[in-house]
Amino acid sequence: MNPRIGQGIDFHRLEKGLKLWLGGILIPSEKGCIAHSDGDVLLHAVCDSLLGAAGEPDIGSHFPDTDPEFKNIQSTILLERTYNIIRKKGYKVSNIDCTVCLEKPKMASYIPEMRSVISSILETSPDNISIKATTAEKLGFIGREEGIMAIAVALINE
């Protein structure tokens, strides 16, 4: 069976007037991510966790922010392409565990839809996708609402 585990993490600055994409869905928010793509930190962390588990270079190596092809690209497309990379190597997703850290907006009501989007792309059950959200308790750049962070761990199998 040869299970493999990978970890991914992503950070983005937040700015008023930009869209906030998380887990492949648009979240109503006063602030959004400054990014080359749509700035979906959750999907970027998931991509890196999958790539790491498959022994591949990181998301920036596969989809560089210096390439105009990826300017404003939806991160769901990056996740689809990442999944194709690991599938070509003979892997499928066992499960993914994620945490998003930001002060606001609250995420709980959006998590079921995020799980549905991610599981659909990765051809797995939503039960295999765990997403949690937390704040930084007003500490640091996240606590000051200047940024957002997501971390993900993926388990894949042949």
Protein backbone atom coordinates (compact mmCIF):
# COMPACT_ATOMS: atom_id res chain seq x y z
CA MET A 1 0.00 0.00 0.00
CA ASN A 2 2.94 2.40 0.66
CA PRO A 3 1.27 5.32 2.48
CA ARG A 4 3.03 8.68 2.21
CA ILE A 5 2.46 11.85 4.23
CA GLY A 6 3.09 15.46 3.26
CA GLN A 7 2.67 18.84 4.94
CA GLY A 8 1.92 22.24 3.42
CA ILE A 9 1.64 25.76 4.78
CA ASP A 10 0.78 29.10 3.18
CA PHE A 11 0.51 32.73 4.27
CA HIS A 12 -0.90 35.81 2.56
CA ARG A 13 -1.28 39.45 3.47
CA LEU A 14 -4.83 40.79 3.66
CA GLU A 15 -6.03 44.07 2.18
CA LYS A 16 -9.38 45.81 2.10
CA GLY A 17 -11.32 45.63 -1.13
CA LEU A 18 -9.92 42.28 -2.32
CA LYS A 19 -11.81 38.99 -2.56
CA LEU A 20 -11.31 36.28 0.04
CA TRP A 21 -11.19 32.82 -1.53
CA LEU A 22 -10.84 29.89 0.88
CA GLY A 23 -11.28 26.23 0.12
CA GLY A 24 -12.45 27.06 -3.38
CA ILE A 25 -15.33 29.29 -2.31
CA LEU A 26 -15.75 33.05 -2.11
CA ILE A 27 -16.15 34.15 1.51
CA PRO A 28 -17.92 37.46 2.23
CA SER A 29 -15.25 39.64 3.87
CA GLU A 30 -14.00 43.23 4.01
CA LYS A 31 -10.48 41.98 3.23
CA GLY A 32 -8.98 39.54 0.79
CA CYS A 33 -5.57 38.12 -0.04
CA ILE A 34 -2.83 39.93 -1.90
CA ALA A 35 -1.58 37.28 -4.34
CA HIS A 36 -0.56 36.43 -7.89
CA SER A 37 -3.37 33.84 -8.07
CA ASP A 38 -6.72 34.13 -6.26
CA GLY A 39 -4.76 33.80 -2.99
CA ASP A 40 -6.61 30.77 -1.59
CA VAL A 41 -4.22 29.90 1.25
CA LEU A 42 -6.16 26.77 2.13
CA LEU A 43 -5.92 25.25 -1.33
CA HIS A 44 -2.28 26.31 -1.61
CA ALA A 45 -1.46 24.49 1.64
CA VAL A 46 -3.38 21.43 0.40
CA CYS A 47 -1.45 21.49 -2.89
CA ASP A 48 1.86 21.64 -1.07
CA SER A 49 0.88 18.81 1.27
CA LEU A 50 -0.05 16.59 -1.68
CA LEU A 51 3.07 17.50 -3.63
CA GLY A 52 5.25 16.84 -0.59
CA ALA A 53 3.64 13.47 0.03
CA ALA A 54 4.36 12.50 -3.59
CA GLY A 55 7.99 13.61 -3.31
CA GLU A 56 7.45 16.53 -5.66
CA PRO A 57 8.79 20.10 -5.43
CA ASP A 58 6.52 22.75 -3.90
CA ILE A 59 3.61 24.63 -5.46
CA GLY A 60 5.87 27.54 -6.44
CA SER A 61 8.04 25.22 -8.52
CA HIS A 62 5.07 23.77 -10.38
CA PHE A 63 3.07 27.00 -10.69
CA PRO A 64 5.50 29.94 -10.32
CA ASP A 65 4.15 33.40 -9.52
CA THR A 66 6.49 34.76 -12.17
CA ASP A 67 4.53 32.97 -14.91
CA PRO A 68 1.73 35.09 -16.44
CA GLU A 69 -0.27 31.87 -17.01
CA PHE A 70 -1.00 31.80 -13.29
CA LYS A 71 -1.95 35.47 -12.86
CA ASN A 72 -5.38 35.54 -11.12
CA ILE A 73 -5.81 31.79 -11.67
CA GLN A 74 -8.39 30.05 -9.51
CA SER A 75 -6.69 27.83 -6.97
CA THR A 76 -9.21 25.08 -7.70
CA ILE A 77 -7.42 24.77 -11.06
CA LEU A 78 -4.06 24.53 -9.26
CA LEU A 79 -5.51 21.80 -7.02
CA GLU A 80 -6.81 19.91 -10.08
CA ARG A 81 -3.37 20.11 -11.69
CA THR A 82 -1.71 19.03 -8.45
CA TYR A 83 -4.05 16.07 -8.20
CA ASN A 84 -3.18 15.10 -11.78
CA ILE A 85 0.52 15.16 -10.84
CA ILE A 86 0.05 12.76 -7.92
CA ARG A 87 -2.35 10.54 -9.90
CA LYS A 88 0.21 10.18 -12.69
CA LYS A 89 2.62 8.91 -10.03
CA GLY A 90 0.04 6.30 -9.01
CA TYR A 91 -1.28 7.92 -5.82
CA LYS A 92 -4.76 8.63 -4.50
CA VAL A 93 -5.83 10.67 -1.47
CA SER A 94 -6.49 8.85 1.78
CA ASN A 95 -7.24 11.92 3.86
CA ILE A 96 -6.35 15.57 4.36
CA ASP A 97 -6.41 17.55 7.61
CA CYS A 98 -6.30 21.37 7.43
CA THR A 99 -6.40 24.39 9.71
CA VAL A 100 -7.06 28.00 8.66
CA CYS A 101 -5.96 30.77 11.02
CA LEU A 102 -7.54 34.23 10.73
CA GLU A 103 -9.38 36.61 13.04
CA LYS A 104 -12.45 37.18 10.92
CA PRO A 105 -14.77 36.34 9.35
CA LYS A 106 -15.79 33.21 11.25
CA MET A 107 -15.43 30.12 9.09
CA ALA A 108 -17.67 27.44 10.64
CA SER A 109 -20.64 27.94 8.31
CA TYR A 110 -18.44 27.71 5.18
CA ILE A 111 -16.53 24.55 6.08
CA PRO A 112 -19.07 22.00 4.72
CA GLU A 113 -18.99 23.66 1.28
CA MET A 114 -15.17 23.84 1.32
CA ARG A 115 -14.99 20.13 2.16
CA SER A 116 -17.37 19.41 -0.71
CA VAL A 117 -15.33 21.43 -3.23
CA ILE A 118 -12.00 19.90 -2.20
CA SER A 119 -13.30 16.32 -2.04
CA SER A 120 -14.91 16.68 -5.47
CA ILE A 121 -11.63 17.80 -7.05
CA LEU A 122 -9.65 15.07 -5.26
CA GLU A 123 -12.19 12.34 -6.07
CA THR A 124 -12.69 11.34 -2.44
CA SER A 125 -15.42 11.52 0.18
CA PRO A 126 -15.93 14.77 2.12
CA ASP A 127 -15.41 12.56 5.20
CA ASN A 128 -11.74 12.34 4.14
CA ILE A 129 -11.31 16.13 4.25
CA SER A 130 -11.06 17.82 7.65
CA ILE A 131 -11.02 21.62 7.87
CA LYS A 132 -10.72 23.51 11.11
CA ALA A 133 -10.54 27.24 11.73
CA THR A 134 -9.00 29.19 14.57
CA THR A 135 -7.97 32.73 15.44
CA ALA A 136 -4.61 33.96 16.69
CA GLU A 137 -6.29 35.44 19.79
CA LYS A 138 -5.39 38.95 18.56
CA LEU A 139 -1.66 38.05 18.51
CA GLY A 140 0.76 38.95 15.71
CA PHE A 141 -0.02 39.81 12.10
CA ILE A 142 -2.97 37.43 12.02
CA GLY A 143 -4.38 38.89 15.22
CA ARG A 144 -4.04 42.39 13.78
CA GLU A 145 -5.99 41.18 10.73
CA GLU A 146 -3.02 41.85 8.44
CA GLY A 147 -2.73 38.28 7.20
CA ILE A 148 -4.01 34.74 7.02
CA MET A 149 -2.37 31.32 7.31
CA ALA A 150 -3.36 27.76 6.47
CA ILE A 151 -1.66 24.45 7.14
CA ALA A 152 -2.50 21.06 5.70
CA VAL A 153 -1.36 17.47 6.10
CA ALA A 154 -2.13 14.89 3.42
CA LEU A 155 -1.93 11.12 3.49
CA ILE A 156 -1.77 9.46 0.08
CA ASN A 157 -1.56 5.81 -1.00
CA GLU A 158 -0.75 3.87 -4.14
